[in-house]
C-alpha atoms as a PDB file:
ATOM      1  CA  MET A   1     -50.823  62.753-171.996  1.00  0.00           C
ATOM      2  CA  ALA A   2     -54.561  63.425-172.067  1.00  0.00           C
ATOM      3  CA  PRO A   3     -56.544  60.200-172.590  1.00  0.00           C
ATOM      4  CA  ASP A   4     -60.031  60.620-174.012  1.00  0.00           C
ATOM      5  CA  ALA A   5     -62.723  59.856-171.445  1.00  0.00           C
ATOM      6  CA  GLU A   6     -64.105  57.198-173.776  1.00  0.00           C
ATOM      7  CA  ALA A   7     -60.721  55.553-174.464  1.00  0.00           C
ATOM      8  CA  GLY A   8     -61.736  52.198-173.068  1.00  0.00           C
ATOM      9  CA  LYS A   9     -65.124  52.094-174.800  1.00  0.00           C
ATOM     10  CA  ALA A  10     -66.088  51.277-178.345  1.00  0.00           C
ATOM     11  CA  SER A  11     -64.894  54.021-180.657  1.00  0.00           C
ATOM     12  CA  THR A  12     -68.342  54.327-182.307  1.00  0.00           C
ATOM     13  CA  LYS A  13     -69.441  56.260-179.201  1.00  0.00           C
ATOM     14  CA  ARG A  14     -66.896  58.967-179.923  1.00  0.00           C
ATOM     15  CA  ALA A  15     -67.842  61.942-182.103  1.00  0.00           C
ATOM     16  CA  ASP A  16     -64.831  61.277-184.352  1.00  0.00           C
ATOM     17  CA  PRO A  17     -63.630  57.660-184.142  1.00  0.00           C
ATOM     18  CA  PHE A  18     -60.335  58.660-185.774  1.00  0.00           C
ATOM     19  CA  ALA A  19     -59.542  61.454-183.322  1.00  0.00           C
ATOM     20  CA  PRO A  20     -56.507  60.654-181.149  1.00  0.00           C
ATOM     21  CA  LEU A  21     -57.101  58.840-177.899  1.00  0.00           C
ATOM     22  CA  THR A  22     -53.851  60.317-176.641  1.00  0.00           C
ATOM     23  CA  SER A  23     -51.247  62.742-177.930  1.00  0.00           C
ATOM     24  CA  GLU A  24     -48.039  64.016-176.388  1.00  0.00           C
ATOM     25  CA  MET A  25     -44.481  65.160-176.893  1.00  0.00           C
ATOM     26  CA  LEU A  26     -42.289  62.328-175.608  1.00  0.00           C
ATOM     27  CA  PRO A  27     -38.717  63.179-174.532  1.00  0.00           C
ATOM     28  CA  VAL A  28     -36.388  60.490-175.894  1.00  0.00           C
ATOM     29  CA  GLY A  29     -33.036  61.966-174.906  1.00  0.00           C
ATOM     30  CA  ASP A  30     -30.269  63.750-176.804  1.00  0.00           C
ATOM     31  CA  GLY A  31     -32.395  66.899-176.827  1.00  0.00           C
ATOM     32  CA  HIS A  32     -35.121  65.282-178.965  1.00  0.00           C
ATOM     33  CA  GLU A  33     -38.858  65.215-178.264  1.00  0.00           C
ATOM     34  CA  ILE A  34     -41.044  63.146-180.560  1.00  0.00           C
ATOM     35  CA  TYR A  35     -44.737  63.610-181.231  1.00  0.00           C
ATOM     36  CA  VAL A  36     -46.735  60.459-180.416  1.00  0.00           C
ATOM     37  CA  GLU A  37     -50.455  59.792-180.736  1.00  0.00           C
ATOM     38  CA  SER A  38     -52.714  56.755-180.427  1.00  0.00           C
ATOM     39  CA  VAL A  39     -56.027  56.073-182.144  1.00  0.00           C
ATOM     40  CA  GLY A  40     -58.776  53.458-182.168  1.00  0.00           C
ATOM     41  CA  ARG A  41     -59.633  51.613-178.975  1.00  0.00           C
ATOM     42  CA  ALA A  42     -57.329  51.114-176.018  1.00  0.00           C
ATOM     43  CA  ASP A  43     -58.066  47.367-175.866  1.00  0.00           C
ATOM     44  CA  GLY A  44     -57.701  46.830-179.624  1.00  0.00           C
ATOM     45  CA  VAL A  45     -55.115  44.984-181.702  1.00  0.00           C
ATOM     46  CA  ALA A  46     -51.798  46.808-181.163  1.00  0.00           C
ATOM     47  CA  ALA A  47     -50.130  48.361-184.206  1.00  0.00           C
ATOM     48  CA  VAL A  48     -47.601  51.067-184.990  1.00  0.00           C
ATOM     49  CA  TYR A  49     -47.400  53.170-188.155  1.00  0.00           C
ATOM     50  CA  LEU A  50     -44.038  54.327-189.557  1.00  0.00           C
ATOM     51  CA  HIS A  51     -44.025  57.272-191.944  1.00  0.00           C
ATOM     52  CA  GLY A  52     -41.722  57.659-194.908  1.00  0.00           C
ATOM     53  CA  GLY A  53     -38.991  60.014-195.951  1.00  0.00           C
ATOM     54  CA  PRO A  54     -37.014  59.823-193.777  1.00  0.00           C
ATOM     55  CA  GLY A  55     -38.240  63.141-192.476  1.00  0.00           C
ATOM     56  CA  SER A  56     -41.814  63.469-193.742  1.00  0.00           C
ATOM     57  CA  GLY A  57     -44.006  62.927-190.644  1.00  0.00           C
ATOM     58  CA  CYS A  58     -47.421  61.325-190.080  1.00  0.00           C
ATOM     59  CA  GLN A  59     -50.631  62.729-191.543  1.00  0.00           C
ATOM     60  CA  ALA A  60     -54.159  62.640-190.148  1.00  0.00           C
ATOM     61  CA  ASP A  61     -55.256  60.313-192.958  1.00  0.00           C
ATOM     62  CA  HIS A  62     -52.752  57.672-191.808  1.00  0.00           C
ATOM     63  CA  ARG A  63     -55.010  57.072-188.798  1.00  0.00           C
ATOM     64  CA  ARG A  64     -57.700  55.890-191.201  1.00  0.00           C
ATOM     65  CA  LEU A  65     -55.640  52.914-192.314  1.00  0.00           C
ATOM     66  CA  PHE A  66     -56.687  51.252-189.054  1.00  0.00           C
ATOM     67  CA  ASP A  67     -60.274  50.225-188.279  1.00  0.00           C
ATOM     68  CA  PRO A  68     -60.998  52.154-185.050  1.00  0.00           C
ATOM     69  CA  GLU A  69     -63.339  49.402-183.867  1.00  0.00           C
ATOM     70  CA  ARG A  70     -60.549  46.848-184.065  1.00  0.00           C
ATOM     71  CA  PHE A  71     -57.134  48.433-183.597  1.00  0.00           C
ATOM     72  CA  HIS A  72     -55.152  50.384-181.057  1.00  0.00           C
ATOM     73  CA  ALA A  73     -52.721  52.108-183.409  1.00  0.00           C
ATOM     74  CA  VAL A  74     -49.770  54.283-182.413  1.00  0.00           C
ATOM     75  CA  LEU A  75     -48.418  56.878-184.833  1.00  0.00           C
ATOM     76  CA  PHE A  76     -45.392  59.074-184.258  1.00  0.00           C
ATOM     77  CA  ASP A  77     -43.204  61.605-186.034  1.00  0.00           C
ATOM     78  CA  GLN A  78     -39.629  60.375-186.135  1.00  0.00           C
ATOM     79  CA  ARG A  79     -36.736  62.477-184.874  1.00  0.00           C
ATOM     80  CA  GLY A  80     -36.476  65.782-186.713  1.00  0.00           C
ATOM     81  CA  ALA A  81     -39.720  65.157-188.628  1.00  0.00           C
ATOM     82  CA  GLY A  82     -43.250  66.518-188.548  1.00  0.00           C
ATOM     83  CA  ARG A  83     -44.235  67.862-185.143  1.00  0.00           C
ATOM     84  CA  SER A  84     -41.208  66.419-183.359  1.00  0.00           C
ATOM     85  CA  ARG A  85     -38.682  68.863-181.949  1.00  0.00           C
ATOM     86  CA  PRO A  86     -36.246  70.280-182.816  1.00  0.00           C
ATOM     87  CA  LYS A  87     -37.641  70.141-186.343  1.00  0.00           C
ATOM     88  CA  GLY A  88     -35.056  69.019-188.875  1.00  0.00           C
ATOM     89  CA  ARG A  89     -32.399  68.219-186.290  1.00  0.00           C
ATOM     90  CA  ARG A  90     -29.903  65.679-187.615  1.00  0.00           C
ATOM     91  CA  GLU A  91     -27.662  65.344-184.586  1.00  0.00           C
ATOM     92  CA  ASP A  92     -28.301  62.138-182.629  1.00  0.00           C
ATOM     93  CA  ASN A  93     -30.618  61.073-185.433  1.00  0.00           C
ATOM     94  CA  THR A  94     -29.737  57.613-186.774  1.00  0.00           C
ATOM     95  CA  LEU A  95     -31.542  54.368-187.500  1.00  0.00           C
ATOM     96  CA  ALA A  96     -30.447  52.994-184.122  1.00  0.00           C
ATOM     97  CA  HIS A  97     -31.984  56.038-182.409  1.00  0.00           C
ATOM     98  CA  LEU A  98     -35.305  55.494-184.217  1.00  0.00           C
ATOM     99  CA  ILE A  99     -35.392  51.823-183.249  1.00  0.00           C
ATOM    100  CA  ALA A 100     -34.725  52.758-179.617  1.00  0.00           C
ATOM    101  CA  ASP A 101     -37.506  55.371-179.798  1.00  0.00           C
ATOM    102  CA  MET A 102     -39.938  52.705-181.005  1.00  0.00           C
ATOM    103  CA  GLU A 103     -39.068  50.524-178.045  1.00  0.00           C
ATOM    104  CA  ALA A 104     -39.590  53.474-175.687  1.00  0.00           C
ATOM    105  CA  ILE A 105     -43.024  54.075-177.224  1.00  0.00           C
ATOM    106  CA  ARG A 106     -43.995  50.395-177.047  1.00  0.00           C
ATOM    107  CA  GLN A 107     -43.011  50.216-173.395  1.00  0.00           C
ATOM    108  CA  LYS A 108     -44.837  53.443-172.584  1.00  0.00           C
ATOM    109  CA  PHE A 109     -48.073  51.985-173.913  1.00  0.00           C
ATOM    110  CA  ALA A 110     -47.349  48.648-172.187  1.00  0.00           C
ATOM    111  CA  LEU A 111     -47.711  46.724-175.450  1.00  0.00           C
ATOM    112  CA  GLU A 112     -46.137  43.285-175.456  1.00  0.00           C
ATOM    113  CA  ARG A 113     -46.167  42.973-179.246  1.00  0.00           C
ATOM    114  CA  TRP A 114     -47.535  44.982-182.131  1.00  0.00           C
ATOM    115  CA  ILE A 115     -48.123  44.883-185.872  1.00  0.00           C
ATOM    116  CA  VAL A 116     -45.568  47.109-187.586  1.00  0.00           C
ATOM    117  CA  VAL A 117     -46.781  49.011-190.664  1.00  0.00           C
ATOM    118  CA  GLY A 118     -44.579  51.151-192.903  1.00  0.00           C
ATOM    119  CA  GLY A 119     -44.087  52.261-196.493  1.00  0.00           C
ATOM    120  CA  SER A 120     -40.940  53.237-198.410  1.00  0.00           C
ATOM    121  CA  TRP A 121     -38.561  54.545-195.713  1.00  0.00           C
ATOM    122  CA  GLY A 122     -41.170  53.362-193.217  1.00  0.00           C
ATOM    123  CA  ALA A 123     -40.635  49.860-194.641  1.00  0.00           C
ATOM    124  CA  THR A 124     -36.885  50.228-194.056  1.00  0.00           C
ATOM    125  CA  LEU A 125     -37.444  51.172-190.433  1.00  0.00           C
ATOM    126  CA  ALA A 126     -40.052  48.420-190.011  1.00  0.00           C
ATOM    127  CA  LEU A 127     -37.634  45.751-191.220  1.00  0.00           C
ATOM    128  CA  ALA A 128     -34.737  47.102-189.157  1.00  0.00           C
ATOM    129  CA  TYR A 129     -36.884  47.228-186.016  1.00  0.00           C
ATOM    130  CA  ALA A 130     -38.315  43.751-186.569  1.00  0.00           C
ATOM    131  CA  GLN A 131     -34.861  42.271-187.099  1.00  0.00           C
ATOM    132  CA  ALA A 132     -33.622  43.967-183.927  1.00  0.00           C
ATOM    133  CA  HIS A 133     -36.684  42.978-181.845  1.00  0.00           C
ATOM    134  CA  PRO A 134     -38.441  40.028-183.554  1.00  0.00           C
ATOM    135  CA  ASP A 135     -40.056  38.948-180.290  1.00  0.00           C
ATOM    136  CA  ARG A 136     -41.920  42.267-180.109  1.00  0.00           C
ATOM    137  CA  VAL A 137     -43.462  42.039-183.593  1.00  0.00           C
ATOM    138  CA  SER A 138     -46.668  40.094-184.233  1.00  0.00           C
ATOM    139  CA  GLY A 139     -46.772  40.893-187.947  1.00  0.00           C
ATOM    140  CA  ILE A 140     -45.505  43.302-190.608  1.00  0.00           C
ATOM    141  CA  VAL A 141     -47.285  45.180-193.394  1.00  0.00           C
ATOM    142  CA  LEU A 142     -45.008  46.906-195.889  1.00  0.00           C
ATOM    143  CA  ARG A 143     -45.746  49.161-198.831  1.00  0.00           C
ATOM    144  CA  ALA A 144     -43.090  49.886-201.461  1.00  0.00           C
ATOM    145  CA  THR A 145     -40.130  47.982-200.047  1.00  0.00           C
ATOM    146  CA  PHE A 146     -36.976  50.073-199.627  1.00  0.00           C
ATOM    147  CA  LEU A 147     -33.979  48.207-198.214  1.00  0.00           C
ATOM    148  CA  GLY A 148     -31.971  51.351-197.509  1.00  0.00           C
ATOM    149  CA  THR A 149     -29.156  50.688-199.991  1.00  0.00           C
ATOM    150  CA  ARG A 150     -27.300  53.225-202.070  1.00  0.00           C
ATOM    151  CA  ALA A 151     -27.832  51.032-205.125  1.00  0.00           C
ATOM    152  CA  GLU A 152     -31.609  51.519-204.871  1.00  0.00           C
ATOM    153  CA  ILE A 153     -31.270  55.309-204.664  1.00  0.00           C
ATOM    154  CA  GLU A 154     -28.740  55.465-207.499  1.00  0.00           C
ATOM    155  CA  THR A 155     -30.910  53.316-209.739  1.00  0.00           C
ATOM    156  CA  ALA A 156     -33.951  55.524-209.138  1.00  0.00           C
ATOM    157  CA  PHE A 157     -32.280  58.926-209.499  1.00  0.00           C
ATOM    158  CA  THR A 158     -29.893  58.080-212.346  1.00  0.00           C
ATOM    159  CA  ASP A 159     -30.843  55.052-214.479  1.00  0.00           C
ATOM    160  CA  VAL A 160     -34.641  55.111-214.018  1.00  0.00           C
ATOM    161  CA  LEU A 161     -34.876  58.897-214.100  1.00  0.00           C
ATOM    162  CA  ALA A 162     -32.928  59.098-217.374  1.00  0.00           C
ATOM    163  CA  ARG A 163     -34.879  56.219-218.947  1.00  0.00           C
ATOM    164  CA  PHE A 164     -38.410  57.376-218.110  1.00  0.00           C
ATOM    165  CA  TYR A 165     -37.982  61.138-217.793  1.00  0.00           C
ATOM    166  CA  PRO A 166     -34.951  62.172-219.881  1.00  0.00           C
ATOM    167  CA  ASP A 167     -35.888  65.869-219.867  1.00  0.00           C
ATOM    168  CA  LEU A 168     -36.323  65.833-216.109  1.00  0.00           C
ATOM    169  CA  SER A 169     -32.995  64.038-215.788  1.00  0.00           C
ATOM    170  CA  CYS A 170     -31.344  66.877-217.703  1.00  0.00           C
ATOM    171  CA  ASP A 171     -33.016  69.444-215.441  1.00  0.00           C
ATOM    172  CA  PHE A 172     -31.861  67.516-212.373  1.00  0.00           C
ATOM    173  CA  LEU A 173     -28.246  67.226-213.542  1.00  0.00           C
ATOM    174  CA  ASN A 174     -27.942  70.715-215.030  1.00  0.00           C
ATOM    175  CA  LEU A 175     -28.589  72.272-211.642  1.00  0.00           C
ATOM    176  CA  LEU A 176     -25.170  70.964-210.607  1.00  0.00           C
ATOM    177  CA  PRO A 177     -21.807  72.355-211.695  1.00  0.00           C
ATOM    178  CA  LEU A 178     -20.423  70.378-214.638  1.00  0.00           C
ATOM    179  CA  ALA A 179     -17.599  68.909-212.538  1.00  0.00           C
ATOM    180  CA  GLU A 180     -20.097  67.400-210.057  1.00  0.00           C
ATOM    181  CA  ARG A 181     -22.440  65.691-212.505  1.00  0.00           C
ATOM    182  CA  GLY A 182     -20.461  62.453-212.540  1.00  0.00           C
ATOM    183  CA  GLN A 183     -21.550  61.728-208.953  1.00  0.00           C
ATOM    184  CA  PRO A 184     -24.894  63.551-208.768  1.00  0.00           C
ATOM    185  CA  LEU A 185     -26.212  61.943-205.594  1.00  0.00           C
ATOM    186  CA  ASP A 186     -23.185  62.861-203.515  1.00  0.00           C
ATOM    187  CA  ALA A 187     -23.278  66.350-205.000  1.00  0.00           C
ATOM    188  CA  TYR A 188     -26.962  66.838-204.208  1.00  0.00           C
ATOM    189  CA  TRP A 189     -26.598  65.606-200.633  1.00  0.00           C
ATOM    190  CA  ARG A 190     -23.577  67.841-200.140  1.00  0.00           C
ATOM    191  CA  HIS A 191     -25.463  70.861-201.490  1.00  0.00           C
ATOM    192  CA  ILE A 192     -28.594  70.110-199.444  1.00  0.00           C
ATOM    193  CA  LEU A 193     -26.551  69.872-196.246  1.00  0.00           C
ATOM    194  CA  ASP A 194     -24.591  73.050-197.007  1.00  0.00           C
ATOM    195  CA  PRO A 195     -25.424  75.784-194.448  1.00  0.00           C
ATOM    196  CA  ASP A 196     -25.693  78.475-197.144  1.00  0.00           C
ATOM    197  CA  PRO A 197     -29.368  78.984-198.166  1.00  0.00           C
ATOM    198  CA  ALA A 198     -28.238  79.989-201.645  1.00  0.00           C
ATOM    199  CA  VAL A 199     -26.719  76.512-201.999  1.00  0.00           C
ATOM    200  CA  HIS A 200     -29.145  74.260-200.134  1.00  0.00           C
ATOM    201  CA  GLY A 201     -32.381  75.986-201.189  1.00  0.00           C
ATOM    202  CA  PRO A 202     -32.360  75.159-204.923  1.00  0.00           C
ATOM    203  CA  ALA A 203     -30.911  71.694-204.311  1.00  0.00           C
ATOM    204  CA  ALA A 204     -33.551  70.781-201.714  1.00  0.00           C
ATOM    205  CA  ARG A 205     -36.401  71.987-203.929  1.00  0.00           C
ATOM    206  CA  ALA A 206     -35.028  70.169-206.990  1.00  0.00           C
ATOM    207  CA  TRP A 207     -34.553  66.941-205.035  1.00  0.00           C
ATOM    208  CA  ALA A 208     -38.066  67.076-203.550  1.00  0.00           C
ATOM    209  CA  ASP A 209     -39.733  67.882-206.883  1.00  0.00           C
ATOM    210  CA  THR A 210     -37.839  65.139-208.716  1.00  0.00           C
ATOM    211  CA  GLU A 211     -38.648  62.588-206.044  1.00  0.00           C
ATOM    212  CA  ARG A 212     -42.323  63.557-206.146  1.00  0.00           C
ATOM    213  CA  ILE A 213     -42.497  63.090-209.931  1.00  0.00           C
ATOM    214  CA  LEU A 214     -40.841  59.681-209.673  1.00  0.00           C
ATOM    215  CA  SER A 215     -43.257  58.654-206.933  1.00  0.00           C
ATOM    216  CA  GLU A 216     -46.481  59.258-208.870  1.00  0.00           C
ATOM    217  CA  HIS A 217     -47.729  56.946-211.592  1.00  0.00           C
ATOM    218  CA  VAL A 218     -49.338  59.895-213.388  1.00  0.00           C
ATOM    219  CA  PRO A 219     -47.527  63.019-212.152  1.00  0.00           C
ATOM    220  CA  GLY A 220     -49.069  66.437-212.671  1.00  0.00           C
ATOM    221  CA  ARG A 221     -45.884  67.715-214.306  1.00  0.00           C
ATOM    222  CA  VAL A 222     -42.703  66.083-215.541  1.00  0.00           C
ATOM    223  CA  ARG A 223     -40.122  68.909-215.551  1.00  0.00           C
ATOM    224  CA  LEU A 224     -38.518  71.054-212.879  1.00  0.00           C
ATOM    225  CA  ASP A 225     -39.677  74.653-212.679  1.00  0.00           C
ATOM    226  CA  ILE A 226     -36.172  76.091-212.744  1.00  0.00           C
ATOM    227  CA  ALA A 227     -37.281  79.632-211.876  1.00  0.00           C
ATOM    228  CA  SER A 228     -39.056  78.474-208.720  1.00  0.00           C
ATOM    229  CA  LEU A 229     -35.982  76.672-207.365  1.00  0.00           C
ATOM    230  CA  ASN A 230     -34.534  80.033-206.322  1.00  0.00           C
ATOM    231  CA  SER A 231     -37.857  81.458-205.165  1.00  0.00           C
ATOM    232  CA  SER A 232     -38.907  82.366-201.656  1.00  0.00           C
ATOM    233  CA  ARG A 233     -41.384  79.489-201.412  1.00  0.00           C
ATOM    234  CA  ALA A 234     -41.069  77.436-198.272  1.00  0.00           C
ATOM    235  CA  LEU A 235     -38.336  74.854-198.243  1.00  0.00           C
ATOM    236  CA  PRO A 236     -39.426  71.212-198.017  1.00  0.00           C
ATOM    237  CA  ALA A 237     -38.216  69.570-194.817  1.00  0.00           C
ATOM    238  CA  THR A 238     -37.733  66.008-196.006  1.00  0.00           C
ATOM    239  CA  PRO A 239     -34.691  66.463-198.311  1.00  0.00           C
ATOM    240  CA  PHE A 240     -32.508  67.565-195.400  1.00  0.00           C
ATOM    241  CA  VAL A 241     -33.205  64.476-193.305  1.00  0.00           C
ATOM    242  CA  GLU A 242     -33.015  62.271-196.404  1.00  0.00           C
ATOM    243  CA  ALA A 243     -29.629  63.690-197.370  1.00  0.00           C
ATOM    244  CA  HIS A 244     -28.375  63.039-193.843  1.00  0.00           C
ATOM    245  CA  TYR A 245     -29.531  59.419-193.897  1.00  0.00           C
ATOM    246  CA  PHE A 246     -28.657  58.632-197.503  1.00  0.00           C
ATOM    247  CA  ALA A 247     -25.154  60.115-197.227  1.00  0.00           C
ATOM    248  CA  ASN A 248     -24.640  57.720-194.303  1.00  0.00           C
ATOM    249  CA  ASP A 249     -26.049  54.641-196.111  1.00  0.00           C
ATOM    250  CA  CYS A 250     -29.110  54.871-193.849  1.00  0.00           C
ATOM    251  CA  PHE A 251     -26.815  53.762-190.998  1.00  0.00           C
ATOM    252  CA  LEU A 252     -27.014  50.180-192.271  1.00  0.00           C
ATOM    253  CA  LYS A 253     -24.329  47.645-193.118  1.00  0.00           C
ATOM    254  CA  PRO A 254     -24.205  46.582-196.785  1.00  0.00           C
ATOM    255  CA  ASN A 255     -27.295  44.476-197.623  1.00  0.00           C
ATOM    256  CA  GLN A 256     -28.104  44.277-193.909  1.00  0.00           C
ATOM    257  CA  LEU A 257     -31.875  44.011-194.204  1.00  0.00           C
ATOM    258  CA  LEU A 258     -31.950  41.380-196.930  1.00  0.00           C
ATOM    259  CA  GLU A 259     -29.243  39.290-195.307  1.00  0.00           C
ATOM    260  CA  GLY A 260     -31.002  39.595-191.930  1.00  0.00           C
ATOM    261  CA  ALA A 261     -34.381  38.472-193.240  1.00  0.00           C
ATOM    262  CA  GLY A 262     -33.928  35.105-191.540  1.00  0.00           C
ATOM    263  CA  ARG A 263     -34.720  36.828-188.244  1.00  0.00           C
ATOM    264  CA  LEU A 264     -38.248  37.373-189.578  1.00  0.00           C
ATOM    265  CA  ALA A 265     -38.880  33.652-190.130  1.00  0.00           C
ATOM    266  CA  LYS A 266     -41.635  33.400-187.502  1.00  0.00           C
ATOM    267  CA  ILE A 267     -43.258  36.746-188.328  1.00  0.00           C
ATOM    268  CA  PRO A 268     -46.079  36.812-190.917  1.00  0.00           C
ATOM    269  CA  GLY A 269     -46.003  39.671-193.381  1.00  0.00           C
ATOM    270  CA  ILE A 270     -47.813  41.212-196.330  1.00  0.00           C
ATOM    271  CA  ILE A 271     -45.956  43.369-198.858  1.00  0.00           C
ATOM    272  CA  VAL A 272     -48.102  45.762-200.915  1.00  0.00           C
ATOM    273  CA  GLN A 273     -46.352  46.704-204.140  1.00  0.00           C
ATOM    274  CA  GLY A 274     -47.265  49.087-206.968  1.00  0.00           C
ATOM    275  CA  ARG A 275     -46.554  47.479-210.338  1.00  0.00           C
ATOM    276  CA  TYR A 276     -45.016  50.662-211.753  1.00  0.00           C
ATOM    277  CA  ASP A 277     -43.176  51.959-208.701  1.00  0.00           C
ATOM    278  CA  LEU A 278     -40.087  53.721-210.082  1.00  0.00           C
ATOM    279  CA  LEU A 279     -38.539  54.410-206.668  1.00  0.00           C
ATOM    280  CA  CYS A 280     -39.067  51.001-205.050  1.00  0.00           C
ATOM    281  CA  PRO A 281     -39.672  48.542-207.904  1.00  0.00           C
ATOM    282  CA  PRO A 282     -41.342  45.124-207.616  1.00  0.00           C
ATOM    283  CA  ALA A 283     -38.021  43.289-207.891  1.00  0.00           C
ATOM    284  CA  THR A 284     -37.048  44.532-204.427  1.00  0.00           C
ATOM    285  CA  SER A 285     -40.252  43.258-202.820  1.00  0.00           C
ATOM    286  CA  HIS A 286     -39.851  39.897-204.540  1.00  0.00           C
ATOM    287  CA  ALA A 287     -36.240  39.610-203.381  1.00  0.00           C
ATOM    288  CA  LEU A 288     -37.378  40.251-199.819  1.00  0.00           C
ATOM    289  CA  ASN A 289     -40.227  37.768-200.180  1.00  0.00           C
ATOM    290  CA  ALA A 290     -37.772  35.088-201.371  1.00  0.00           C
ATOM    291  CA  ALA A 291     -35.658  35.632-198.252  1.00  0.00           C
ATOM    292  CA  TRP A 292     -38.722  35.831-195.990  1.00  0.00           C
ATOM    293  CA  PRO A 293     -41.061  32.923-196.798  1.00  0.00           C
ATOM    294  CA  ALA A 294     -43.556  33.942-194.112  1.00  0.00           C
ATOM    295  CA  SER A 295     -44.450  36.958-196.260  1.00  0.00           C
ATOM    296  CA  GLU A 296     -46.591  37.391-199.358  1.00  0.00           C
ATOM    297  CA  VAL A 297     -46.510  40.046-202.076  1.00  0.00           C
ATOM    298  CA  ARG A 298     -49.741  41.714-203.170  1.00  0.00           C
ATOM    299  CA  MET A 299     -49.318  43.578-206.440  1.00  0.00           C
ATOM    300  CA  VAL A 300     -51.399  46.664-207.188  1.00  0.00           C
ATOM    301  CA  GLU A 301     -51.748  47.033-210.931  1.00  0.00           C
ATOM    302  CA  GLY A 302     -51.732  50.491-212.467  1.00  0.00           C
ATOM    303  CA  ALA A 303     -50.074  52.053-209.411  1.00  0.00           C
ATOM    304  CA  GLY A 304     -46.722  53.622-208.673  1.00  0.00           C
ATOM    305  CA  HIS A 305     -45.032  54.467-205.397  1.00  0.00           C
ATOM    306  CA  THR A 306     -47.349  56.669-203.368  1.00  0.00           C
ATOM    307  CA  LEU A 307     -49.973  55.569-200.891  1.00  0.00           C
ATOM    308  CA  TYR A 308     -52.515  57.561-202.899  1.00  0.00           C
ATOM    309  CA  ASP A 309     -52.028  56.013-206.318  1.00  0.00           C
ATOM    310  CA  PRO A 310     -55.223  54.146-207.303  1.00  0.00           C
ATOM    311  CA  GLY A 311     -55.763  51.007-205.266  1.00  0.00           C
ATOM    312  CA  VAL A 312     -52.733  51.300-202.983  1.00  0.00           C
ATOM    313  CA  ARG A 313     -54.397  52.763-199.910  1.00  0.00           C
ATOM    314  CA  ASP A 314     -57.216  50.208-200.044  1.00  0.00           C
ATOM    315  CA  ALA A 315     -54.684  47.401-200.469  1.00  0.00           C
ATOM    316  CA  VAL A 316     -52.759  48.555-197.390  1.00  0.00           C
ATOM    317  CA  MET A 317     -55.942  48.764-195.303  1.00  0.00           C
ATOM    318  CA  THR A 318     -56.969  45.279-196.428  1.00  0.00           C
ATOM    319  CA  ALA A 319     -53.493  43.920-195.688  1.00  0.00           C
ATOM    320  CA  ILE A 320     -53.571  45.318-192.146  1.00  0.00           C
ATOM    321  CA  ALA A 321     -57.001  43.794-191.507  1.00  0.00           C
ATOM    322  CA  ASP A 322     -56.068  40.441-193.085  1.00  0.00           C
ATOM    323  CA  LEU A 323     -52.851  40.186-191.125  1.00  0.00           C
ATOM    324  CA  ALA A 324     -54.661  40.908-187.863  1.00  0.00           C
ATOM    325  CA  SER A 325     -57.118  38.089-188.658  1.00  0.00           C
ATOM    326  CA  LYS A 326     -54.269  35.721-189.475  1.00  0.00           C
ATOM    327  CA  ILE A 327     -52.520  36.507-186.217  1.00  0.00           C
ATOM    328  CA  ALA A 328     -55.743  36.026-184.260  1.00  0.00           C
ATOM    329  CA  LYS A 329     -56.077  32.499-185.665  1.00  0.00           C
END
């Protein structure tokens, strides 16, 4: 780890206040090393950011969700994701492993408690971590609540897809052999995890492109480019980790996160929700809010799933700042 010489001083004195204070590859066992960085000020309000996917990784812009004058934020790429090594590795990669990694990171930075921030899959991990270690969480900010259930995934990729994008739904299904179209999710995950590039390549590209279209309120295109699915363009990394987690029910018991919401009773939370989120619809956030009275839902009108739909990013930044103020009081 290489701390910046100005780590303990106000971040305005640094040339780039959003540049990492520290960055390192942290060995977490089982042959995994995870990329971890911290930003802001070393004596600031502790927070941790959880990226989505599973399997996507943190981006430089995620640092900017946290006011560098106020927060000491930790960001990390989960096992198999982003800059963590080995990239894409699914062995010894479960929800329990990710929760244990978060505890290892928290202890390394000597943080007693922290605000946990996550969207989509990051919201799943945030809830699972907070329910496992409620005494280590000072507050939670979620975007696009995903409770890690098969029902949510099936609704998005079958019912919602066919209702809002019928042509895309046909593209998505027609990539599968006729005999496998009755259970398309299982078929896609099986194809994506197949070792043969001729099998997993088209499936991974089709899954990623379909998910991207569903995630945007105004997508740039609404059909699969069938010719490009067999092209030599780089394979997206996220579908492989997603298929691993989704085929294993995200390593959760049925309805575990909703039924365990009582463990969050003393933890304040803010849930940012896009009104037209087709992947993680408002009903899920409201169900969580009903089971977790210490939370509030903030709806973003005219927005879908992604952090970069209009108004969502600003709403998340405001929620983080507001929650920190509430905790301070």
